[in-house]
Amino acid sequence: MQARRQQASITVRSDKAAALLDRLAHPGRSKVSIIEEALERLPIPPDHPRELERRARIADALKHLHARDDIPSMAEFDAREYDERGNPR
């Protein structure tokens, strides 16, 4: 968990929601915990079929890419493309 100052803030733009949140928050219970509990109760929607298809295509491409042995390492690429001072050849 990140420190509080590093976390993104949440803005409640609805007056009705802000009022309800104020009523639910009593001493000892933070508004953040109320929101987190409510979000944990929500069902997670299933992935869209097109998203699953896209992920499968990416995984397939990566599988073929990892199987190739003709792709140079970064050290080999740097040695081939740059001289000892870091200038392009």
C-alpha atoms as a PDB file:
ATOM      1  CA  MET A   1       0.000   0.000   0.000  1.00  0.00           C
ATOM      2  CA  GLN A   2       1.331   3.427  -0.909  1.00  0.00           C
ATOM      3  CA  ALA A   3       1.769   6.261   1.542  1.00  0.00           C
ATOM      4  CA  ARG A   4      -1.255   8.542   1.701  1.00  0.00           C
ATOM      5  CA  ARG A   5       0.528  11.422  -0.069  1.00  0.00           C
ATOM      6  CA  GLN A   6       1.366   9.140  -3.025  1.00  0.00           C
ATOM      7  CA  GLN A   7      -2.164   7.856  -3.520  1.00  0.00           C
ATOM      8  CA  ALA A   8      -4.514   9.394  -6.058  1.00  0.00           C
ATOM      9  CA  SER A   9      -7.308  11.391  -4.480  1.00  0.00           C
ATOM     10  CA  ILE A  10     -10.992  10.639  -5.039  1.00  0.00           C
ATOM     11  CA  THR A  11     -13.384  13.466  -5.790  1.00  0.00           C
ATOM     12  CA  VAL A  12     -17.076  13.045  -5.044  1.00  0.00           C
ATOM     13  CA  ARG A  13     -18.914  15.303  -7.479  1.00  0.00           C
ATOM     14  CA  SER A  14     -22.427  14.385  -6.483  1.00  0.00           C
ATOM     15  CA  ASP A  15     -23.925  16.352  -3.592  1.00  0.00           C
ATOM     16  CA  LYS A  16     -26.270  13.465  -2.881  1.00  0.00           C
ATOM     17  CA  ALA A  17     -23.388  10.959  -2.722  1.00  0.00           C
ATOM     18  CA  ALA A  18     -21.279  13.301  -0.578  1.00  0.00           C
ATOM     19  CA  ALA A  19     -24.154  13.768   1.877  1.00  0.00           C
ATOM     20  CA  LEU A  20     -24.743  10.011   2.087  1.00  0.00           C
ATOM     21  CA  LEU A  21     -21.045   9.405   2.610  1.00  0.00           C
ATOM     22  CA  ASP A  22     -20.999  11.992   5.413  1.00  0.00           C
ATOM     23  CA  ARG A  23     -23.942  10.256   7.104  1.00  0.00           C
ATOM     24  CA  LEU A  24     -22.281   6.841   6.842  1.00  0.00           C
ATOM     25  CA  ALA A  25     -18.958   8.077   8.195  1.00  0.00           C
ATOM     26  CA  HIS A  26     -19.165   8.171  11.947  1.00  0.00           C
ATOM     27  CA  PRO A  27     -16.294   8.627  14.421  1.00  0.00           C
ATOM     28  CA  GLY A  28     -13.789   5.841  13.926  1.00  0.00           C
ATOM     29  CA  ARG A  29     -14.884   5.010  10.398  1.00  0.00           C
ATOM     30  CA  SER A  30     -13.214   6.756   7.494  1.00  0.00           C
ATOM     31  CA  LYS A  31     -14.860   7.666   4.219  1.00  0.00           C
ATOM     32  CA  VAL A  32     -12.138   5.732   2.407  1.00  0.00           C
ATOM     33  CA  SER A  33     -13.004   2.512   4.230  1.00  0.00           C
ATOM     34  CA  ILE A  34     -16.691   2.991   3.375  1.00  0.00           C
ATOM     35  CA  ILE A  35     -15.878   3.433  -0.326  1.00  0.00           C
ATOM     36  CA  GLU A  36     -13.467   0.464  -0.322  1.00  0.00           C
ATOM     37  CA  GLU A  37     -16.043  -1.812   1.333  1.00  0.00           C
ATOM     38  CA  ALA A  38     -18.689  -0.778  -1.185  1.00  0.00           C
ATOM     39  CA  LEU A  39     -16.355  -1.413  -4.118  1.00  0.00           C
ATOM     40  CA  GLU A  40     -15.352  -4.828  -2.752  1.00  0.00           C
ATOM     41  CA  ARG A  41     -19.036  -5.843  -2.707  1.00  0.00           C
ATOM     42  CA  LEU A  42     -19.499  -5.028  -6.389  1.00  0.00           C
ATOM     43  CA  PRO A  43     -19.132  -7.937  -8.804  1.00  0.00           C
ATOM     44  CA  ILE A  44     -16.186  -7.693 -11.156  1.00  0.00           C
ATOM     45  CA  PRO A  45     -17.507  -7.625 -14.717  1.00  0.00           C
ATOM     46  CA  PRO A  46     -16.219 -10.337 -17.031  1.00  0.00           C
ATOM     47  CA  ASP A  47     -13.691  -9.396 -19.666  1.00  0.00           C
ATOM     48  CA  HIS A  48     -15.130  -8.477 -23.012  1.00  0.00           C
ATOM     49  CA  PRO A  49     -14.679 -11.226 -25.642  1.00  0.00           C
ATOM     50  CA  ARG A  50     -12.686  -8.863 -27.879  1.00  0.00           C
ATOM     51  CA  GLU A  51     -10.318  -8.146 -24.978  1.00  0.00           C
ATOM     52  CA  LEU A  52      -9.788 -11.874 -24.392  1.00  0.00           C
ATOM     53  CA  GLU A  53      -9.145 -12.341 -28.113  1.00  0.00           C
ATOM     54  CA  ARG A  54      -6.624  -9.480 -28.086  1.00  0.00           C
ATOM     55  CA  ARG A  55      -4.796 -10.932 -25.084  1.00  0.00           C
ATOM     56  CA  ALA A  56      -4.610 -14.333 -26.776  1.00  0.00           C
ATOM     57  CA  ARG A  57      -3.105 -12.766 -29.930  1.00  0.00           C
ATOM     58  CA  ILE A  58      -0.504 -10.909 -27.863  1.00  0.00           C
ATOM     59  CA  ALA A  59       0.409 -14.043 -25.904  1.00  0.00           C
ATOM     60  CA  ASP A  60       0.768 -15.988 -29.174  1.00  0.00           C
ATOM     61  CA  ALA A  61       3.021 -13.318 -30.678  1.00  0.00           C
ATOM     62  CA  LEU A  62       5.188 -13.230 -27.562  1.00  0.00           C
ATOM     63  CA  LYS A  63       5.473 -17.018 -27.555  1.00  0.00           C
ATOM     64  CA  HIS A  64       6.838 -16.955 -31.116  1.00  0.00           C
ATOM     65  CA  LEU A  65       9.113 -14.029 -30.284  1.00  0.00           C
ATOM     66  CA  HIS A  66      10.659 -15.817 -27.305  1.00  0.00           C
ATOM     67  CA  ALA A  67      11.264 -18.887 -29.455  1.00  0.00           C
ATOM     68  CA  ARG A  68      13.431 -16.914 -31.920  1.00  0.00           C
ATOM     69  CA  ASP A  69      17.197 -17.036 -31.425  1.00  0.00           C
ATOM     70  CA  ASP A  70      18.205 -14.547 -34.136  1.00  0.00           C
ATOM     71  CA  ILE A  71      17.294 -11.470 -32.086  1.00  0.00           C
ATOM     72  CA  PRO A  72      20.462  -9.919 -30.595  1.00  0.00           C
ATOM     73  CA  SER A  73      20.723  -8.999 -26.936  1.00  0.00           C
ATOM     74  CA  MET A  74      20.960  -5.324 -26.024  1.00  0.00           C
ATOM     75  CA  ALA A  75      24.711  -5.708 -25.429  1.00  0.00           C
ATOM     76  CA  GLU A  76      25.176  -7.270 -28.887  1.00  0.00           C
ATOM     77  CA  PHE A  77      23.016  -4.586 -30.487  1.00  0.00           C
ATOM     78  CA  ASP A  78      24.946  -1.784 -28.759  1.00  0.00           C
ATOM     79  CA  ALA A  79      28.306  -3.282 -29.779  1.00  0.00           C
ATOM     80  CA  ARG A  80      27.159  -3.515 -33.389  1.00  0.00           C
ATOM     81  CA  GLU A  81      25.470  -0.085 -33.625  1.00  0.00           C
ATOM     82  CA  TYR A  82      27.682   2.135 -31.425  1.00  0.00           C
ATOM     83  CA  ASP A  83      31.430   2.642 -31.067  1.00  0.00           C
ATOM     84  CA  GLU A  84      33.320   2.528 -27.737  1.00  0.00           C
ATOM     85  CA  ARG A  85      32.463   6.202 -27.061  1.00  0.00           C
ATOM     86  CA  GLY A  86      28.741   5.667 -27.567  1.00  0.00           C
ATOM     87  CA  ASN A  87      28.591   7.360 -30.956  1.00  0.00           C
ATOM     88  CA  PRO A  88      26.604   5.763 -33.782  1.00  0.00           C
ATOM     89  CA  ARG A  89      28.707   3.860 -36.308  1.00  0.00           C
END
